[in-house]
């Protein structure tokens, strides 16, 4: 069994609990990955499974051993997932399904993804600066203000908050609940919002693993 799984974020939806309450969920497709390499403690020092997501034109096609000779040509993403038991339970070319993942409905998971990039932003938008006065002749407004105050020769301290590229960072959100598992469709329904935009890659791990 795998301690986590990788998937493609399909978007948000809503489902209903048995008592009729609406649960906002994010749908993640995890049923299109194949085992591309098996790592064992004897050979590699740890147990893990390397899995690959086929490129769009190869999805729906039967796995071929030729794919392993030039992985970058046939797979869009190649990642490693830790195995919580013996790695020899998997075979090369095996399709990863929710049957191979140690996740159950109601469990808590941590999800890692790349946040949505929103381009170049000023310090007010990027860091939440309050900005300067709007009246009384002030010319500061939304400018970042002094950057080298009381420093030798105007030296700027490392890590100073400036305008720049906003978003597109690796973000991990923990404490998310698995609301539903659809094994037939190969989808996870996770309560709440996940980092990243639609069709982006997310890594789902059991909380604390």
N, C-alpha and C. Protein backbone atom coordinates (compact mmCIF):
# COMPACT_ATOMS: atom_id res chain seq x y z
N UNK A 1 0.84 -1.20 0.00
CA UNK A 1 0.00 0.00 0.00
C UNK A 1 0.88 1.25 0.00
N UNK A 2 0.37 2.29 -0.62
CA UNK A 2 1.07 3.56 -0.69
C UNK A 2 0.54 4.51 0.38
N UNK A 3 1.46 5.29 0.99
CA UNK A 3 1.07 6.23 2.03
C UNK A 3 0.45 7.49 1.46
N UNK A 4 0.63 7.72 0.17
CA UNK A 4 0.07 8.90 -0.46
C UNK A 4 -0.15 8.64 -1.93
N UNK A 5 -0.65 9.64 -2.61
CA UNK A 5 -0.96 9.49 -4.03
C UNK A 5 -0.87 10.86 -4.69
N UNK A 6 -0.58 10.85 -5.99
CA UNK A 6 -0.56 12.08 -6.77
C UNK A 6 -1.79 12.10 -7.65
N UNK A 7 -2.28 13.28 -7.93
CA UNK A 7 -3.48 13.40 -8.75
C UNK A 7 -3.56 14.73 -9.45
N UNK A 8 -4.55 14.83 -10.32
CA UNK A 8 -4.79 16.05 -11.08
C UNK A 8 -6.06 16.71 -10.55
N UNK A 9 -5.93 17.96 -10.17
CA UNK A 9 -7.06 18.70 -9.62
C UNK A 9 -8.06 19.02 -10.74
N UNK A 10 -9.28 18.50 -10.61
CA UNK A 10 -10.29 18.70 -11.64
C UNK A 10 -11.15 19.93 -11.40
N UNK A 11 -11.26 20.36 -10.15
CA UNK A 11 -12.09 21.52 -9.84
C UNK A 11 -12.92 21.26 -8.60
N UNK A 12 -13.79 22.21 -8.27
CA UNK A 12 -14.60 22.11 -7.06
C UNK A 12 -16.03 21.71 -7.39
N UNK A 13 -16.65 21.05 -6.43
CA UNK A 13 -18.04 20.61 -6.57
C UNK A 13 -18.65 20.58 -5.17
N UNK A 14 -19.82 20.00 -5.08
CA UNK A 14 -20.43 19.83 -3.76
C UNK A 14 -21.16 18.50 -3.70
N UNK A 15 -21.10 17.88 -2.53
CA UNK A 15 -21.81 16.64 -2.30
C UNK A 15 -22.67 16.84 -1.05
N UNK A 16 -23.53 15.87 -0.78
CA UNK A 16 -24.44 15.97 0.36
C UNK A 16 -24.12 14.87 1.37
N UNK A 17 -24.11 15.23 2.63
CA UNK A 17 -23.90 14.27 3.70
C UNK A 17 -25.19 13.49 3.94
N UNK A 18 -25.13 12.37 4.68
CA UNK A 18 -26.35 11.60 4.94
C UNK A 18 -27.46 12.39 5.60
N UNK A 19 -27.11 13.45 6.38
CA UNK A 19 -28.15 14.25 7.02
C UNK A 19 -28.59 15.43 6.17
N UNK A 20 -28.12 15.48 4.89
CA UNK A 20 -28.61 16.48 3.96
C UNK A 20 -27.81 17.77 3.92
N UNK A 21 -26.68 17.85 4.61
CA UNK A 21 -25.88 19.06 4.59
C UNK A 21 -24.98 19.10 3.36
N UNK A 22 -24.78 20.30 2.82
CA UNK A 22 -23.93 20.47 1.65
C UNK A 22 -22.46 20.51 2.08
N UNK A 23 -21.62 19.72 1.39
CA UNK A 23 -20.18 19.69 1.69
C UNK A 23 -19.42 20.16 0.45
N UNK A 24 -18.74 21.33 0.52
CA UNK A 24 -17.93 21.76 -0.63
C UNK A 24 -16.67 20.92 -0.73
N UNK A 25 -16.39 20.37 -1.89
CA UNK A 25 -15.25 19.46 -2.06
C UNK A 25 -14.46 19.83 -3.31
N UNK A 26 -13.21 19.41 -3.32
CA UNK A 26 -12.36 19.49 -4.51
C UNK A 26 -12.17 18.08 -5.05
N UNK A 27 -12.40 17.91 -6.34
CA UNK A 27 -12.31 16.60 -6.97
C UNK A 27 -10.91 16.42 -7.54
N UNK A 28 -10.27 15.30 -7.20
CA UNK A 28 -8.91 15.00 -7.65
C UNK A 28 -8.91 13.65 -8.36
N UNK A 29 -8.42 13.63 -9.60
CA UNK A 29 -8.32 12.40 -10.38
C UNK A 29 -6.99 11.72 -10.08
N UNK A 30 -7.04 10.49 -9.58
CA UNK A 30 -5.82 9.77 -9.21
C UNK A 30 -5.70 8.43 -9.93
N UNK A 31 -6.52 8.19 -10.95
CA UNK A 31 -6.57 6.87 -11.56
C UNK A 31 -5.85 6.71 -12.87
N UNK A 32 -4.90 7.59 -13.21
CA UNK A 32 -4.24 7.50 -14.52
C UNK A 32 -2.72 7.42 -14.38
N UNK A 33 -2.22 6.85 -13.27
CA UNK A 33 -0.79 6.72 -13.05
C UNK A 33 -0.34 5.28 -13.22
N UNK A 34 0.91 5.11 -13.69
CA UNK A 34 1.48 3.78 -13.88
C UNK A 34 2.80 3.66 -13.13
N UNK A 35 3.11 2.46 -12.66
CA UNK A 35 4.38 2.21 -11.98
C UNK A 35 5.49 2.17 -13.02
N UNK A 36 6.48 3.05 -12.86
CA UNK A 36 7.59 3.11 -13.80
C UNK A 36 8.91 2.61 -13.20
N UNK A 37 8.98 2.50 -11.88
CA UNK A 37 10.19 1.98 -11.24
C UNK A 37 9.85 1.55 -9.81
N UNK A 38 10.47 0.49 -9.34
CA UNK A 38 10.26 0.00 -7.98
C UNK A 38 11.59 0.09 -7.23
N UNK A 39 11.58 0.78 -6.09
CA UNK A 39 12.79 0.94 -5.29
C UNK A 39 12.67 0.13 -4.01
N UNK A 40 13.70 -0.64 -3.70
CA UNK A 40 13.69 -1.54 -2.56
C UNK A 40 14.82 -1.19 -1.60
N UNK A 41 14.69 -1.57 -0.31
CA UNK A 41 15.77 -1.30 0.66
C UNK A 41 17.07 -1.97 0.28
N UNK A 42 17.01 -3.15 -0.32
CA UNK A 42 18.24 -3.87 -0.67
C UNK A 42 19.04 -3.14 -1.75
N UNK A 43 18.35 -2.55 -2.69
CA UNK A 43 19.03 -1.91 -3.82
C UNK A 43 19.18 -0.40 -3.64
N UNK A 44 18.14 0.26 -3.13
CA UNK A 44 18.13 1.72 -3.06
C UNK A 44 18.18 2.27 -1.63
N UNK A 45 18.01 1.40 -0.63
CA UNK A 45 18.07 1.87 0.75
C UNK A 45 16.74 2.27 1.34
N UNK A 46 15.67 2.24 0.55
CA UNK A 46 14.34 2.60 1.06
C UNK A 46 13.30 2.02 0.12
N UNK A 47 12.07 1.95 0.60
CA UNK A 47 10.97 1.43 -0.19
C UNK A 47 10.17 2.58 -0.79
N UNK A 48 10.01 2.58 -2.09
CA UNK A 48 9.24 3.62 -2.76
C UNK A 48 8.82 3.13 -4.14
N UNK A 49 7.83 3.77 -4.67
CA UNK A 49 7.34 3.48 -6.01
C UNK A 49 7.44 4.74 -6.85
N UNK A 50 8.07 4.63 -8.01
CA UNK A 50 8.09 5.75 -8.94
C UNK A 50 6.93 5.58 -9.90
N UNK A 51 6.08 6.59 -10.00
CA UNK A 51 4.90 6.50 -10.85
C UNK A 51 4.92 7.63 -11.88
N UNK A 52 4.31 7.37 -13.02
CA UNK A 52 4.30 8.34 -14.10
C UNK A 52 2.89 8.59 -14.62
N UNK A 53 2.63 9.83 -15.00
CA UNK A 53 1.35 10.22 -15.60
C UNK A 53 1.55 10.33 -17.11
N UNK A 54 0.91 9.48 -17.90
CA UNK A 54 1.11 9.54 -19.37
C UNK A 54 0.68 10.88 -19.94
N UNK A 55 1.34 11.25 -21.01
CA UNK A 55 0.93 12.45 -21.72
C UNK A 55 -0.46 12.27 -22.31
N UNK A 56 -1.10 13.37 -22.61
CA UNK A 56 -2.52 13.34 -22.98
C UNK A 56 -2.79 12.41 -24.15
N UNK A 57 -1.89 12.38 -25.15
CA UNK A 57 -2.13 11.56 -26.34
C UNK A 57 -1.98 10.06 -26.06
N UNK A 58 -1.36 9.70 -24.92
CA UNK A 58 -1.19 8.30 -24.58
C UNK A 58 -2.18 7.83 -23.51
N UNK A 59 -2.92 8.75 -22.91
CA UNK A 59 -3.89 8.35 -21.91
C UNK A 59 -5.02 7.55 -22.58
N UNK A 60 -5.41 6.47 -21.96
CA UNK A 60 -6.41 5.59 -22.55
C UNK A 60 -5.80 4.45 -23.34
N UNK A 61 -4.47 4.53 -23.62
CA UNK A 61 -3.78 3.47 -24.33
C UNK A 61 -3.23 2.45 -23.34
N UNK A 62 -3.09 1.22 -23.80
CA UNK A 62 -2.52 0.17 -22.95
C UNK A 62 -1.04 0.45 -22.70
N UNK A 63 -0.58 0.15 -21.48
CA UNK A 63 0.81 0.38 -21.13
C UNK A 63 1.72 -0.49 -21.98
N UNK A 64 2.84 0.09 -22.43
CA UNK A 64 3.82 -0.64 -23.21
C UNK A 64 5.19 -0.55 -22.54
N UNK A 65 5.96 -1.64 -22.50
CA UNK A 65 7.31 -1.58 -21.93
C UNK A 65 8.21 -0.57 -22.63
N UNK A 66 7.87 -0.20 -23.86
CA UNK A 66 8.67 0.80 -24.59
C UNK A 66 8.62 2.15 -23.90
N UNK A 67 7.55 2.39 -23.13
CA UNK A 67 7.42 3.67 -22.43
C UNK A 67 8.55 3.88 -21.42
N UNK A 68 9.08 2.79 -20.85
CA UNK A 68 10.10 2.90 -19.82
C UNK A 68 11.47 3.24 -20.39
N UNK A 69 11.66 3.05 -21.70
CA UNK A 69 12.96 3.33 -22.31
C UNK A 69 13.19 4.82 -22.51
N UNK A 70 12.11 5.55 -22.78
CA UNK A 70 12.19 7.00 -22.93
C UNK A 70 11.02 7.62 -22.15
N UNK A 71 11.20 7.68 -20.84
CA UNK A 71 10.10 8.12 -19.98
C UNK A 71 9.64 9.53 -20.27
N UNK A 72 10.59 10.42 -20.58
CA UNK A 72 10.22 11.82 -20.81
C UNK A 72 9.37 11.98 -22.06
N UNK A 73 9.44 11.05 -22.99
CA UNK A 73 8.64 11.14 -24.21
C UNK A 73 7.19 10.70 -23.99
N UNK A 74 6.98 9.80 -23.03
CA UNK A 74 5.65 9.22 -22.85
C UNK A 74 4.94 9.70 -21.59
N UNK A 75 5.72 10.23 -20.61
CA UNK A 75 5.11 10.64 -19.34
C UNK A 75 5.25 12.14 -19.13
N UNK A 76 4.16 12.76 -18.70
CA UNK A 76 4.16 14.19 -18.43
C UNK A 76 4.78 14.49 -17.07
N UNK A 77 4.47 13.67 -16.07
CA UNK A 77 5.02 13.83 -14.72
C UNK A 77 5.54 12.48 -14.24
N UNK A 78 6.68 12.50 -13.55
CA UNK A 78 7.23 11.30 -12.93
C UNK A 78 7.59 11.66 -11.48
N UNK A 79 6.97 10.97 -10.53
CA UNK A 79 7.16 11.28 -9.11
C UNK A 79 7.36 10.01 -8.32
N UNK A 80 7.84 10.18 -7.07
CA UNK A 80 8.01 9.07 -6.15
C UNK A 80 6.99 9.15 -5.03
N UNK A 81 6.50 7.98 -4.62
CA UNK A 81 5.58 7.88 -3.50
C UNK A 81 6.10 6.81 -2.56
N UNK A 82 6.11 7.09 -1.25
CA UNK A 82 6.60 6.11 -0.28
C UNK A 82 5.64 4.94 -0.18
N UNK A 83 6.22 3.78 0.03
CA UNK A 83 5.43 2.57 0.21
C UNK A 83 5.45 2.19 1.68
N UNK A 84 4.27 1.88 2.24
CA UNK A 84 4.18 1.55 3.66
C UNK A 84 4.32 0.05 3.92
N UNK A 85 4.48 -0.74 2.86
CA UNK A 85 4.73 -2.16 3.02
C UNK A 85 5.71 -2.61 1.95
N UNK A 86 5.80 -3.88 1.69
CA UNK A 86 6.79 -4.40 0.76
C UNK A 86 6.54 -3.90 -0.66
N UNK A 87 7.59 -3.38 -1.30
CA UNK A 87 7.45 -2.82 -2.64
C UNK A 87 7.21 -3.89 -3.70
N UNK A 88 7.57 -5.17 -3.40
CA UNK A 88 7.40 -6.19 -4.43
C UNK A 88 5.92 -6.51 -4.68
N UNK A 89 5.00 -5.85 -3.95
CA UNK A 89 3.58 -6.03 -4.22
C UNK A 89 3.17 -5.34 -5.52
N UNK A 90 4.04 -4.49 -6.03
CA UNK A 90 3.76 -3.76 -7.26
C UNK A 90 4.58 -4.34 -8.41
N UNK A 91 4.11 -4.12 -9.62
CA UNK A 91 4.80 -4.57 -10.82
C UNK A 91 4.97 -3.40 -11.77
N UNK A 92 6.03 -3.44 -12.59
CA UNK A 92 6.24 -2.41 -13.59
C UNK A 92 5.07 -2.39 -14.57
N UNK A 93 4.58 -1.18 -14.83
CA UNK A 93 3.46 -1.05 -15.75
C UNK A 93 2.10 -1.17 -15.10
N UNK A 94 2.08 -1.48 -13.80
CA UNK A 94 0.81 -1.62 -13.11
C UNK A 94 0.13 -0.26 -12.96
N UNK A 95 -1.16 -0.20 -13.20
CA UNK A 95 -1.89 1.05 -13.04
C UNK A 95 -2.25 1.25 -11.57
N UNK A 96 -1.97 2.46 -11.07
CA UNK A 96 -2.26 2.77 -9.67
C UNK A 96 -3.74 3.11 -9.53
N UNK A 97 -4.41 2.42 -8.63
CA UNK A 97 -5.81 2.69 -8.34
C UNK A 97 -5.95 3.01 -6.86
N UNK A 98 -7.14 3.40 -6.46
CA UNK A 98 -7.37 3.72 -5.05
C UNK A 98 -7.31 2.48 -4.17
N UNK A 99 -7.33 1.29 -4.78
CA UNK A 99 -7.15 0.06 -4.02
C UNK A 99 -5.72 -0.05 -3.48
N UNK A 100 -4.77 0.64 -4.13
CA UNK A 100 -3.36 0.57 -3.74
C UNK A 100 -2.96 1.68 -2.77
N UNK A 101 -3.91 2.51 -2.36
CA UNK A 101 -3.59 3.67 -1.52
C UNK A 101 -4.22 3.50 -0.14
N UNK A 102 -3.43 3.76 0.90
CA UNK A 102 -3.90 3.58 2.28
C UNK A 102 -4.68 4.80 2.74
N UNK A 103 -5.77 5.09 2.05
CA UNK A 103 -6.65 6.20 2.42
C UNK A 103 -8.07 5.69 2.57
N UNK A 104 -8.78 6.25 3.55
CA UNK A 104 -10.17 5.89 3.78
C UNK A 104 -10.99 7.15 3.97
N UNK A 105 -12.28 7.02 3.75
CA UNK A 105 -13.18 8.16 3.95
C UNK A 105 -13.15 8.58 5.41
N UNK A 106 -13.11 9.89 5.63
CA UNK A 106 -13.08 10.43 6.98
C UNK A 106 -11.69 10.70 7.51
N UNK A 107 -10.64 10.19 6.84
CA UNK A 107 -9.27 10.44 7.29
C UNK A 107 -8.83 11.85 6.93
N UNK A 108 -7.81 12.30 7.66
CA UNK A 108 -7.25 13.63 7.40
C UNK A 108 -5.97 13.50 6.58
N UNK A 109 -5.81 14.40 5.62
CA UNK A 109 -4.67 14.36 4.71
C UNK A 109 -4.03 15.74 4.63
N UNK A 110 -2.80 15.75 4.14
CA UNK A 110 -2.09 17.00 3.82
C UNK A 110 -1.88 17.02 2.32
N UNK A 111 -2.21 18.14 1.70
CA UNK A 111 -2.15 18.26 0.24
C UNK A 111 -1.13 19.33 -0.13
N UNK A 112 -0.21 18.96 -1.02
CA UNK A 112 0.82 19.88 -1.49
C UNK A 112 0.58 20.18 -2.97
N UNK A 113 0.62 21.45 -3.31
CA UNK A 113 0.44 21.87 -4.70
C UNK A 113 1.13 23.20 -4.95
N UNK A 114 1.07 23.65 -6.19
CA UNK A 114 1.66 24.93 -6.58
C UNK A 114 0.55 25.97 -6.67
N UNK A 115 0.66 27.02 -5.87
CA UNK A 115 -0.39 28.03 -5.83
C UNK A 115 -0.50 28.75 -7.17
N UNK A 116 -1.67 29.31 -7.41
CA UNK A 116 -1.92 30.02 -8.66
C UNK A 116 -1.06 31.27 -8.75
N UNK A 117 -0.34 31.43 -9.85
CA UNK A 117 0.47 32.62 -10.05
C UNK A 117 -0.38 33.77 -10.58
N UNK A 118 -0.18 34.96 -10.02
CA UNK A 118 -0.95 36.13 -10.46
C UNK A 118 -0.05 37.24 -10.99
N UNK A 119 1.18 36.87 -11.39
CA UNK A 119 2.05 37.81 -12.07
C UNK A 119 2.73 38.81 -11.15
N UNK A 120 3.26 39.87 -11.74
CA UNK A 120 3.98 40.90 -11.00
C UNK A 120 2.99 41.76 -10.23
N UNK A 121 3.24 41.93 -8.92
CA UNK A 121 2.34 42.71 -8.08
C UNK A 121 3.14 43.67 -7.23
N UNK A 122 2.49 44.76 -6.84
CA UNK A 122 3.10 45.73 -5.94
C UNK A 122 3.11 45.23 -4.51
N UNK A 123 3.74 45.99 -3.62
CA UNK A 123 3.88 45.55 -2.23
C UNK A 123 2.55 45.51 -1.49
N UNK A 124 1.60 46.36 -1.87
CA UNK A 124 0.30 46.34 -1.20
C UNK A 124 -0.45 45.05 -1.52
N UNK A 125 -0.47 44.66 -2.79
CA UNK A 125 -1.16 43.44 -3.19
C UNK A 125 -0.39 42.20 -2.75
N UNK A 126 0.94 42.23 -2.89
CA UNK A 126 1.74 41.05 -2.63
C UNK A 126 1.90 40.74 -1.15
N UNK A 127 2.13 41.78 -0.33
CA UNK A 127 2.43 41.56 1.08
C UNK A 127 1.39 42.14 2.02
N UNK A 128 0.38 42.80 1.50
CA UNK A 128 -0.68 43.34 2.36
C UNK A 128 -0.30 44.63 3.06
N UNK A 129 0.64 45.40 2.49
CA UNK A 129 0.99 46.68 3.09
C UNK A 129 -0.24 47.60 3.13
N UNK A 130 -0.29 48.46 4.13
CA UNK A 130 -1.44 49.36 4.28
C UNK A 130 -1.40 50.51 3.29
N UNK A 131 -0.20 50.88 2.82
CA UNK A 131 -0.10 52.03 1.93
C UNK A 131 -0.02 53.33 2.71
N UNK A 132 0.26 54.42 2.00
CA UNK A 132 0.39 55.71 2.65
C UNK A 132 -0.90 56.50 2.64
N UNK A 133 -0.87 57.71 3.19
CA UNK A 133 -2.07 58.55 3.20
C UNK A 133 -2.56 58.86 1.78
N UNK A 134 -3.84 58.99 1.64
CA UNK A 134 -4.42 59.28 0.32
C UNK A 134 -4.59 60.77 0.07
N UNK A 135 -4.49 61.57 1.13
CA UNK A 135 -4.75 63.02 1.01
C UNK A 135 -3.65 63.81 1.70
N UNK A 136 -3.89 65.09 1.92
CA UNK A 136 -2.97 66.00 2.60
C UNK A 136 -1.61 66.08 1.91
N UNK A 137 -1.61 65.99 0.59
CA UNK A 137 -0.38 66.19 -0.18
C UNK A 137 0.57 65.01 -0.19
N UNK A 138 0.16 63.87 0.35
CA UNK A 138 1.05 62.71 0.36
C UNK A 138 1.28 62.19 -1.05
N UNK A 139 2.53 61.80 -1.32
CA UNK A 139 2.87 61.21 -2.61
C UNK A 139 3.31 59.74 -2.46
N UNK A 140 3.07 59.18 -1.27
CA UNK A 140 3.48 57.80 -1.05
C UNK A 140 2.47 56.83 -1.66
N UNK A 141 1.22 56.96 -1.23
CA UNK A 141 0.12 56.14 -1.73
C UNK A 141 0.48 54.64 -1.66
N UNK A 142 0.66 53.97 -2.81
CA UNK A 142 0.89 52.51 -2.83
C UNK A 142 2.36 52.15 -3.06
N UNK A 143 3.25 53.10 -2.88
CA UNK A 143 4.68 52.81 -3.05
C UNK A 143 5.20 52.04 -1.84
N UNK A 144 6.32 51.29 -2.01
CA UNK A 144 6.83 50.49 -0.89
C UNK A 144 7.46 51.30 0.23
N UNK A 145 7.90 52.53 -0.04
CA UNK A 145 8.50 53.36 1.00
C UNK A 145 10.00 53.13 1.13
N UNK A 146 10.59 53.59 2.24
CA UNK A 146 12.02 53.49 2.47
C UNK A 146 12.46 52.04 2.55
N UNK A 147 13.61 51.74 1.95
CA UNK A 147 14.09 50.36 1.94
C UNK A 147 15.43 50.19 2.64
N UNK A 148 16.21 51.26 2.84
CA UNK A 148 17.52 51.14 3.46
C UNK A 148 17.68 52.05 4.66
N UNK A 149 16.63 52.25 5.42
CA UNK A 149 16.63 53.19 6.54
C UNK A 149 17.63 52.77 7.62
N UNK A 150 18.50 53.72 8.02
CA UNK A 150 19.49 53.54 9.09
C UNK A 150 20.47 52.39 8.81
N UNK A 151 20.71 52.11 7.54
CA UNK A 151 21.68 51.09 7.19
C UNK A 151 22.90 51.76 6.55
N UNK A 152 24.05 51.11 6.70
CA UNK A 152 25.29 51.67 6.17
C UNK A 152 25.21 51.80 4.65
N UNK A 153 25.42 53.00 4.14
CA UNK A 153 25.41 53.30 2.70
C UNK A 153 24.10 52.85 2.03
N UNK A 154 23.02 52.89 2.78
CA UNK A 154 21.73 52.53 2.21
C UNK A 154 21.59 51.06 1.89
N UNK A 155 22.36 50.22 2.58
CA UNK A 155 22.31 48.78 2.33
C UNK A 155 20.90 48.25 2.59
N UNK A 156 20.42 47.37 1.72
CA UNK A 156 19.09 46.78 1.86
C UNK A 156 19.22 45.41 2.52
N UNK A 157 18.48 45.19 3.57
CA UNK A 157 18.54 43.93 4.31
C UNK A 157 18.01 42.79 3.46
N UNK A 158 18.64 41.63 3.58
CA UNK A 158 18.19 40.45 2.85
C UNK A 158 16.79 40.04 3.32
N UNK A 159 15.93 39.73 2.38
CA UNK A 159 14.57 39.34 2.71
C UNK A 159 13.60 40.49 2.79
N UNK A 160 14.03 41.70 2.43
CA UNK A 160 13.14 42.86 2.45
C UNK A 160 11.98 42.64 1.49
N UNK A 161 10.79 43.00 1.92
CA UNK A 161 9.59 42.78 1.11
C UNK A 161 9.45 43.87 0.06
N UNK A 162 9.49 43.45 -1.19
CA UNK A 162 9.42 44.37 -2.32
C UNK A 162 8.35 43.89 -3.30
N UNK A 163 8.00 44.75 -4.26
CA UNK A 163 7.14 44.26 -5.36
C UNK A 163 7.84 43.13 -6.12
N UNK A 164 7.07 42.25 -6.73
CA UNK A 164 7.66 41.15 -7.47
C UNK A 164 6.61 40.13 -7.87
N UNK A 165 7.10 38.98 -8.30
CA UNK A 165 6.19 37.93 -8.76
C UNK A 165 5.40 37.38 -7.58
N UNK A 166 4.09 37.29 -7.74
CA UNK A 166 3.20 36.88 -6.66
C UNK A 166 2.57 35.52 -7.01
N UNK A 167 2.58 34.62 -6.06
CA UNK A 167 2.00 33.30 -6.28
C UNK A 167 3.00 32.34 -6.90
N UNK A 168 2.51 31.21 -7.41
CA UNK A 168 3.31 30.16 -8.03
C UNK A 168 4.36 29.64 -7.05
N UNK A 169 3.93 29.41 -5.80
CA UNK A 169 4.80 28.86 -4.76
C UNK A 169 4.27 27.49 -4.33
N UNK A 170 5.16 26.67 -3.80
CA UNK A 170 4.73 25.38 -3.28
C UNK A 170 4.03 25.59 -1.93
N UNK A 171 2.81 25.12 -1.83
CA UNK A 171 1.99 25.32 -0.65
C UNK A 171 1.47 23.97 -0.16
N UNK A 172 1.54 23.75 1.14
CA UNK A 172 0.99 22.54 1.75
C UNK A 172 -0.12 22.92 2.71
N UNK A 173 -1.29 22.34 2.50
CA UNK A 173 -2.44 22.57 3.37
C UNK A 173 -2.73 21.27 4.12
N UNK A 174 -2.70 21.31 5.44
CA UNK A 174 -2.94 20.12 6.24
C UNK A 174 -4.31 20.19 6.91
N UNK A 175 -4.71 19.09 7.48
CA UNK A 175 -5.99 19.05 8.19
C UNK A 175 -7.20 18.97 7.28
N UNK A 176 -7.02 18.50 6.03
CA UNK A 176 -8.14 18.36 5.10
C UNK A 176 -8.75 16.97 5.23
N UNK A 177 -10.06 16.90 5.10
CA UNK A 177 -10.79 15.65 5.32
C UNK A 177 -11.20 15.01 4.00
N UNK A 178 -11.00 13.70 3.90
CA UNK A 178 -11.43 12.96 2.72
C UNK A 178 -12.94 12.70 2.87
N UNK A 179 -13.74 13.45 2.12
CA UNK A 179 -15.19 13.35 2.27
C UNK A 179 -15.76 12.12 1.56
N UNK A 180 -15.15 11.74 0.42
CA UNK A 180 -15.69 10.63 -0.36
C UNK A 180 -14.60 10.05 -1.24
N UNK A 181 -14.67 8.73 -1.46
CA UNK A 181 -13.75 8.05 -2.36
C UNK A 181 -14.57 7.29 -3.40
N UNK A 182 -14.37 7.64 -4.67
CA UNK A 182 -15.06 6.98 -5.77
C UNK A 182 -14.05 6.09 -6.49
N UNK A 183 -14.02 4.81 -6.14
CA UNK A 183 -13.02 3.91 -6.70
C UNK A 183 -13.30 3.60 -8.17
N UNK A 184 -14.56 3.60 -8.57
CA UNK A 184 -14.89 3.32 -9.97
C UNK A 184 -14.39 4.43 -10.90
N UNK A 185 -14.53 5.68 -10.48
CA UNK A 185 -14.09 6.81 -11.28
C UNK A 185 -12.62 7.16 -11.02
N UNK A 186 -12.03 6.59 -9.95
CA UNK A 186 -10.64 6.90 -9.61
C UNK A 186 -10.47 8.31 -9.10
N UNK A 187 -11.45 8.80 -8.33
CA UNK A 187 -11.44 10.19 -7.87
C UNK A 187 -11.55 10.26 -6.35
N UNK A 188 -10.87 11.25 -5.77
CA UNK A 188 -11.00 11.60 -4.36
C UNK A 188 -11.77 12.89 -4.24
N UNK A 189 -12.67 12.95 -3.26
CA UNK A 189 -13.42 14.18 -2.96
C UNK A 189 -12.94 14.68 -1.61
N UNK A 190 -12.16 15.76 -1.63
CA UNK A 190 -11.55 16.29 -0.41
C UNK A 190 -12.27 17.57 0.00
N UNK A 191 -12.70 17.61 1.25
CA UNK A 191 -13.46 18.76 1.75
C UNK A 191 -12.60 20.02 1.76
N UNK A 192 -13.13 21.09 1.17
CA UNK A 192 -12.43 22.37 1.16
C UNK A 192 -11.67 22.61 -0.15
N UNK A 193 -10.90 23.68 -0.16
CA UNK A 193 -10.14 24.10 -1.34
C UNK A 193 -8.71 23.60 -1.26
N UNK A 194 -8.15 23.24 -2.40
CA UNK A 194 -6.76 22.79 -2.50
C UNK A 194 -5.93 23.84 -3.23
N UNK A 195 -4.63 23.91 -2.95
CA UNK A 195 -3.78 24.88 -3.65
C UNK A 195 -3.64 24.52 -5.12
N UNK A 196 -3.49 25.54 -5.96
CA UNK A 196 -3.28 25.31 -7.39
C UNK A 196 -4.51 25.59 -8.22
N UNK A 197 -4.28 25.69 -9.51
CA UNK A 197 -5.38 25.94 -10.44
C UNK A 197 -5.89 24.62 -11.01
N UNK A 198 -6.91 24.72 -11.83
CA UNK A 198 -7.51 23.53 -12.43
C UNK A 198 -6.48 22.80 -13.29
N UNK A 199 -6.50 21.48 -13.24
CA UNK A 199 -5.60 20.58 -13.98
C UNK A 199 -4.17 20.61 -13.46
N UNK A 200 -3.93 21.22 -12.31
CA UNK A 200 -2.59 21.22 -11.74
C UNK A 200 -2.35 19.95 -10.94
N UNK A 201 -1.08 19.65 -10.68
CA UNK A 201 -0.69 18.44 -9.98
C UNK A 201 -0.68 18.68 -8.48
N UNK A 202 -1.27 17.75 -7.72
CA UNK A 202 -1.27 17.85 -6.26
C UNK A 202 -0.79 16.51 -5.68
N UNK A 203 -0.16 16.59 -4.51
CA UNK A 203 0.34 15.41 -3.81
C UNK A 203 -0.48 15.27 -2.52
N UNK A 204 -1.09 14.11 -2.36
CA UNK A 204 -1.97 13.87 -1.21
C UNK A 204 -1.31 12.82 -0.31
N UNK A 205 -1.08 13.16 0.96
CA UNK A 205 -0.46 12.25 1.91
C UNK A 205 -1.34 12.15 3.15
N UNK A 206 -1.26 10.99 3.82
CA UNK A 206 -1.94 10.84 5.08
C UNK A 206 -1.35 11.81 6.10
N UNK A 207 -2.20 12.38 6.93
CA UNK A 207 -1.75 13.34 7.92
C UNK A 207 -0.72 12.72 8.85
N UNK A 208 0.45 13.38 8.96
CA UNK A 208 1.49 12.91 9.86
C UNK A 208 2.44 11.90 9.27
N UNK A 209 2.27 11.53 7.97
CA UNK A 209 3.15 10.55 7.33
C UNK A 209 4.19 11.27 6.49
